[in-house]
Amino acid sequence: MDEEKRDALSRMTAEHMARPFPPGFRGLSVEGQDMVLLDADAYGSAMSVLDGTLTDRHRANLARLAAVCDKVLPAIEDEYAAVYYAHVRDMAVLAVEIEDLRGRR
């Protein structure tokens, strides 16, 4: 199961990098969250999970990222941006799941 989740996260990060960043969201803050930083943090944490080199900072950041996404998503009115950031949230949630599985070993 862990390998399936890693493969899914790998696909998600590749899909994420192929998607254009939402127009108008550079420099935008939603619910007090800088949207570029949210995007970069989620992607960076997901990549660290895939690399297996999580730092304490990344571990602490993962759960926070999913919660922040859940907070900002209802406030995003742009349809493309909402889908984009739902993907960001899903990436963070899957990264948390993978990290939790590692912690149980």
N, C-alpha and C. Protein backbone atom coordinates (compact mmCIF):
# COMPACT_ATOMS: atom_id res chain seq x y z
N MET A 1 0.84 -1.20 0.00
CA MET A 1 0.00 0.00 0.00
C MET A 1 0.87 1.26 0.00
N ASP A 2 1.95 1.23 0.76
CA ASP A 2 2.83 2.39 0.83
C ASP A 2 3.37 2.74 -0.55
N GLU A 3 3.77 1.72 -1.31
CA GLU A 3 4.32 1.97 -2.65
C GLU A 3 3.26 2.55 -3.58
N GLU A 4 2.03 2.10 -3.45
CA GLU A 4 0.93 2.65 -4.26
C GLU A 4 0.71 4.13 -3.94
N LYS A 5 0.78 4.46 -2.67
CA LYS A 5 0.60 5.86 -2.25
C LYS A 5 1.77 6.71 -2.75
N ARG A 6 2.98 6.17 -2.67
CA ARG A 6 4.14 6.91 -3.18
C ARG A 6 4.00 7.15 -4.69
N ASP A 7 3.56 6.13 -5.41
CA ASP A 7 3.36 6.28 -6.86
C ASP A 7 2.30 7.34 -7.15
N ALA A 8 1.23 7.32 -6.36
CA ALA A 8 0.16 8.32 -6.55
C ALA A 8 0.69 9.72 -6.26
N LEU A 9 1.48 9.86 -5.19
CA LEU A 9 2.04 11.17 -4.86
C LEU A 9 3.01 11.63 -5.95
N SER A 10 3.77 10.71 -6.48
CA SER A 10 4.69 11.05 -7.57
C SER A 10 3.92 11.58 -8.79
N ARG A 11 2.83 10.90 -9.13
CA ARG A 11 1.99 11.36 -10.24
C ARG A 11 1.40 12.74 -9.94
N MET A 12 0.95 12.92 -8.70
CA MET A 12 0.34 14.20 -8.33
C MET A 12 1.34 15.35 -8.42
N THR A 13 2.58 15.11 -8.00
CA THR A 13 3.57 16.20 -8.06
C THR A 13 3.90 16.53 -9.52
N ALA A 14 3.96 15.50 -10.37
CA ALA A 14 4.21 15.74 -11.80
C ALA A 14 3.05 16.51 -12.42
N GLU A 15 1.83 16.12 -12.10
CA GLU A 15 0.65 16.83 -12.60
C GLU A 15 0.67 18.28 -12.12
N HIS A 16 1.04 18.46 -10.87
CA HIS A 16 1.06 19.80 -10.30
C HIS A 16 2.04 20.71 -11.05
N MET A 17 3.21 20.18 -11.33
CA MET A 17 4.21 20.99 -12.03
C MET A 17 3.80 21.30 -13.47
N ALA A 18 2.94 20.46 -14.03
CA ALA A 18 2.49 20.68 -15.41
C ALA A 18 1.37 21.72 -15.49
N ARG A 19 0.74 22.02 -14.36
CA ARG A 19 -0.37 22.97 -14.35
C ARG A 19 0.16 24.40 -14.20
N PRO A 20 -0.38 25.31 -14.97
CA PRO A 20 0.01 26.72 -14.78
C PRO A 20 -0.51 27.25 -13.44
N PHE A 21 0.29 28.08 -12.81
CA PHE A 21 -0.14 28.72 -11.57
C PHE A 21 -1.34 29.61 -11.89
N PRO A 22 -2.32 29.66 -11.01
CA PRO A 22 -3.53 30.45 -11.28
C PRO A 22 -3.23 31.93 -11.55
N PRO A 23 -3.74 32.44 -12.66
CA PRO A 23 -3.54 33.86 -12.97
C PRO A 23 -4.12 34.73 -11.85
N GLY A 24 -3.38 35.75 -11.50
CA GLY A 24 -3.85 36.69 -10.49
C GLY A 24 -3.60 36.26 -9.06
N PHE A 25 -2.98 35.10 -8.84
CA PHE A 25 -2.76 34.63 -7.48
C PHE A 25 -1.35 34.88 -6.98
N ARG A 26 -0.47 35.37 -7.85
CA ARG A 26 0.87 35.75 -7.39
C ARG A 26 0.73 37.01 -6.54
N GLY A 27 1.29 36.94 -5.34
CA GLY A 27 1.21 38.08 -4.43
C GLY A 27 -0.13 38.20 -3.73
N LEU A 28 -1.04 37.28 -3.97
CA LEU A 28 -2.37 37.32 -3.37
C LEU A 28 -2.36 36.59 -2.03
N SER A 29 -3.05 37.18 -1.08
CA SER A 29 -3.24 36.56 0.22
C SER A 29 -4.72 36.22 0.36
N VAL A 30 -5.02 34.98 0.72
CA VAL A 30 -6.39 34.54 0.95
C VAL A 30 -6.47 34.04 2.39
N GLU A 31 -7.37 34.60 3.15
CA GLU A 31 -7.52 34.23 4.56
C GLU A 31 -6.18 34.35 5.29
N GLY A 32 -5.40 35.38 4.92
CA GLY A 32 -4.12 35.62 5.57
C GLY A 32 -2.98 34.72 5.11
N GLN A 33 -3.22 33.93 4.09
CA GLN A 33 -2.21 32.99 3.59
C GLN A 33 -1.71 33.43 2.22
N ASP A 34 -0.40 33.60 2.09
CA ASP A 34 0.22 33.90 0.79
C ASP A 34 0.07 32.67 -0.09
N MET A 35 -0.58 32.82 -1.22
CA MET A 35 -0.93 31.67 -2.05
C MET A 35 0.29 31.05 -2.76
N VAL A 36 1.29 31.86 -3.08
CA VAL A 36 2.50 31.31 -3.69
C VAL A 36 3.24 30.45 -2.66
N LEU A 37 3.34 30.96 -1.44
CA LEU A 37 4.03 30.19 -0.40
C LEU A 37 3.30 28.90 -0.07
N LEU A 38 1.98 28.94 -0.04
CA LEU A 38 1.20 27.74 0.21
C LEU A 38 1.51 26.69 -0.86
N ASP A 39 1.50 27.11 -2.09
CA ASP A 39 1.80 26.22 -3.22
C ASP A 39 3.21 25.64 -3.09
N ALA A 40 4.17 26.49 -2.88
CA ALA A 40 5.57 26.06 -2.80
C ALA A 40 5.81 25.15 -1.60
N ASP A 41 5.22 25.47 -0.46
CA ASP A 41 5.39 24.64 0.73
C ASP A 41 4.81 23.25 0.52
N ALA A 42 3.63 23.17 -0.05
CA ALA A 42 2.99 21.88 -0.27
C ALA A 42 3.81 21.03 -1.24
N TYR A 43 4.24 21.63 -2.34
CA TYR A 43 5.03 20.90 -3.33
C TYR A 43 6.36 20.45 -2.71
N GLY A 44 7.03 21.35 -2.04
CA GLY A 44 8.32 21.02 -1.42
C GLY A 44 8.19 19.91 -0.39
N SER A 45 7.15 19.95 0.41
CA SER A 45 6.95 18.90 1.41
C SER A 45 6.64 17.57 0.74
N ALA A 46 5.81 17.59 -0.30
CA ALA A 46 5.49 16.35 -1.02
C ALA A 46 6.76 15.76 -1.64
N MET A 47 7.59 16.59 -2.22
CA MET A 47 8.83 16.10 -2.81
C MET A 47 9.76 15.53 -1.74
N SER A 48 9.79 16.14 -0.58
CA SER A 48 10.62 15.63 0.51
C SER A 48 10.13 14.26 0.98
N VAL A 49 8.82 14.08 1.02
CA VAL A 49 8.26 12.78 1.38
C VAL A 49 8.70 11.74 0.34
N LEU A 50 8.63 12.10 -0.92
CA LEU A 50 9.05 11.17 -1.98
C LEU A 50 10.54 10.84 -1.88
N ASP A 51 11.33 11.82 -1.52
CA ASP A 51 12.77 11.61 -1.38
C ASP A 51 13.12 10.86 -0.10
N GLY A 52 12.17 10.84 0.85
CA GLY A 52 12.41 10.18 2.12
C GLY A 52 13.32 10.95 3.03
N THR A 53 13.44 12.24 2.79
CA THR A 53 14.37 13.07 3.56
C THR A 53 13.64 14.16 4.32
N LEU A 54 12.59 13.77 5.03
CA LEU A 54 11.82 14.78 5.76
C LEU A 54 12.61 15.34 6.93
N THR A 55 12.60 16.66 7.01
CA THR A 55 13.17 17.32 8.17
C THR A 55 12.06 17.50 9.20
N ASP A 56 12.44 17.87 10.40
CA ASP A 56 11.43 18.14 11.43
C ASP A 56 10.50 19.26 10.99
N ARG A 57 11.06 20.24 10.28
CA ARG A 57 10.26 21.36 9.77
C ARG A 57 9.21 20.86 8.79
N HIS A 58 9.60 19.97 7.89
CA HIS A 58 8.64 19.43 6.92
C HIS A 58 7.55 18.62 7.62
N ARG A 59 7.93 17.83 8.60
CA ARG A 59 6.94 17.03 9.32
C ARG A 59 5.90 17.93 9.99
N ALA A 60 6.37 18.98 10.65
CA ALA A 60 5.45 19.90 11.32
C ALA A 60 4.59 20.65 10.32
N ASN A 61 5.15 20.90 9.16
CA ASN A 61 4.47 21.69 8.14
C ASN A 61 3.36 20.92 7.43
N LEU A 62 3.49 19.61 7.30
CA LEU A 62 2.55 18.83 6.50
C LEU A 62 1.10 18.95 6.97
N ALA A 63 0.86 18.70 8.23
CA ALA A 63 -0.52 18.77 8.75
C ALA A 63 -1.04 20.19 8.66
N ARG A 64 -0.18 21.16 8.93
CA ARG A 64 -0.59 22.56 8.84
C ARG A 64 -1.03 22.92 7.43
N LEU A 65 -0.31 22.42 6.44
CA LEU A 65 -0.64 22.73 5.04
C LEU A 65 -2.04 22.26 4.66
N ALA A 66 -2.37 21.04 5.04
CA ALA A 66 -3.70 20.51 4.72
C ALA A 66 -4.78 21.36 5.39
N ALA A 67 -4.55 21.76 6.64
CA ALA A 67 -5.52 22.58 7.36
C ALA A 67 -5.65 23.96 6.73
N VAL A 68 -4.53 24.55 6.31
CA VAL A 68 -4.57 25.87 5.67
C VAL A 68 -5.34 25.79 4.35
N CYS A 69 -5.10 24.73 3.59
CA CYS A 69 -5.84 24.57 2.33
C CYS A 69 -7.34 24.48 2.59
N ASP A 70 -7.72 23.71 3.60
CA ASP A 70 -9.15 23.61 3.93
C ASP A 70 -9.73 24.96 4.33
N LYS A 71 -8.91 25.81 4.90
CA LYS A 71 -9.36 27.15 5.32
C LYS A 71 -9.51 28.08 4.11
N VAL A 72 -8.56 28.04 3.18
CA VAL A 72 -8.59 28.99 2.06
C VAL A 72 -9.51 28.56 0.92
N LEU A 73 -9.70 27.25 0.73
CA LEU A 73 -10.49 26.78 -0.41
C LEU A 73 -11.89 27.41 -0.51
N PRO A 74 -12.65 27.49 0.58
CA PRO A 74 -13.98 28.09 0.46
C PRO A 74 -13.96 29.57 0.07
N ALA A 75 -12.83 30.23 0.29
CA ALA A 75 -12.73 31.66 -0.01
C ALA A 75 -12.27 31.92 -1.45
N ILE A 76 -11.90 30.88 -2.19
CA ILE A 76 -11.43 31.05 -3.56
C ILE A 76 -12.62 30.99 -4.51
N GLU A 77 -12.85 32.09 -5.20
CA GLU A 77 -14.00 32.17 -6.10
C GLU A 77 -13.67 31.75 -7.53
N ASP A 78 -12.41 31.86 -7.92
CA ASP A 78 -11.99 31.50 -9.26
C ASP A 78 -12.02 29.97 -9.40
N GLU A 79 -12.73 29.48 -10.42
CA GLU A 79 -12.91 28.03 -10.58
C GLU A 79 -11.59 27.29 -10.80
N TYR A 80 -10.75 27.80 -11.69
CA TYR A 80 -9.47 27.15 -11.95
C TYR A 80 -8.62 27.12 -10.68
N ALA A 81 -8.54 28.25 -9.99
CA ALA A 81 -7.73 28.33 -8.77
C ALA A 81 -8.26 27.39 -7.70
N ALA A 82 -9.56 27.25 -7.61
CA ALA A 82 -10.15 26.34 -6.62
C ALA A 82 -9.73 24.90 -6.92
N VAL A 83 -9.77 24.50 -8.17
CA VAL A 83 -9.34 23.15 -8.56
C VAL A 83 -7.84 22.99 -8.30
N TYR A 84 -7.06 24.00 -8.65
CA TYR A 84 -5.61 23.98 -8.46
C TYR A 84 -5.28 23.78 -6.98
N TYR A 85 -5.91 24.57 -6.12
CA TYR A 85 -5.59 24.47 -4.69
C TYR A 85 -6.23 23.26 -4.02
N ALA A 86 -7.28 22.70 -4.59
CA ALA A 86 -7.80 21.42 -4.10
C ALA A 86 -6.75 20.33 -4.36
N HIS A 87 -6.10 20.43 -5.51
CA HIS A 87 -5.02 19.48 -5.84
C HIS A 87 -3.85 19.66 -4.87
N VAL A 88 -3.54 20.91 -4.54
CA VAL A 88 -2.47 21.19 -3.57
C VAL A 88 -2.82 20.54 -2.23
N ARG A 89 -4.06 20.70 -1.80
CA ARG A 89 -4.51 20.10 -0.55
C ARG A 89 -4.40 18.58 -0.61
N ASP A 90 -4.87 17.99 -1.69
CA ASP A 90 -4.84 16.54 -1.83
C ASP A 90 -3.41 16.02 -1.80
N MET A 91 -2.49 16.78 -2.40
CA MET A 91 -1.08 16.41 -2.39
C MET A 91 -0.55 16.42 -0.95
N ALA A 92 -0.90 17.44 -0.19
CA ALA A 92 -0.45 17.54 1.20
C ALA A 92 -1.05 16.42 2.05
N VAL A 93 -2.33 16.13 1.85
CA VAL A 93 -2.99 15.07 2.62
C VAL A 93 -2.34 13.72 2.33
N LEU A 94 -2.07 13.43 1.07
CA LEU A 94 -1.44 12.16 0.72
C LEU A 94 -0.02 12.09 1.29
N ALA A 95 0.69 13.19 1.28
CA ALA A 95 2.03 13.21 1.87
C ALA A 95 1.96 12.91 3.37
N VAL A 96 0.96 13.45 4.06
CA VAL A 96 0.77 13.17 5.49
C VAL A 96 0.50 11.68 5.69
N GLU A 97 -0.36 11.10 4.84
CA GLU A 97 -0.67 9.68 4.96
C GLU A 97 0.58 8.82 4.80
N ILE A 98 1.41 9.16 3.83
CA ILE A 98 2.63 8.40 3.59
C ILE A 98 3.57 8.53 4.78
N GLU A 99 3.71 9.73 5.29
CA GLU A 99 4.58 9.96 6.44
C GLU A 99 4.05 9.22 7.67
N ASP A 100 2.74 9.19 7.85
CA ASP A 100 2.15 8.44 8.97
C ASP A 100 2.45 6.95 8.85
N LEU A 101 2.35 6.42 7.62
CA LEU A 101 2.68 5.00 7.41
C LEU A 101 4.13 4.71 7.76
N ARG A 102 5.01 5.61 7.41
CA ARG A 102 6.44 5.44 7.75
C ARG A 102 6.64 5.43 9.25
N GLY A 103 5.86 6.28 9.93
CA GLY A 103 6.00 6.37 11.39
C GLY A 103 5.54 5.12 12.11
N ARG A 104 4.71 4.33 11.48
CA ARG A 104 4.20 3.10 12.11
C ARG A 104 5.14 1.92 11.94
N ARG A 105 6.16 2.07 11.14
CA ARG A 105 7.09 0.94 10.91
C ARG A 105 8.05 0.79 12.06
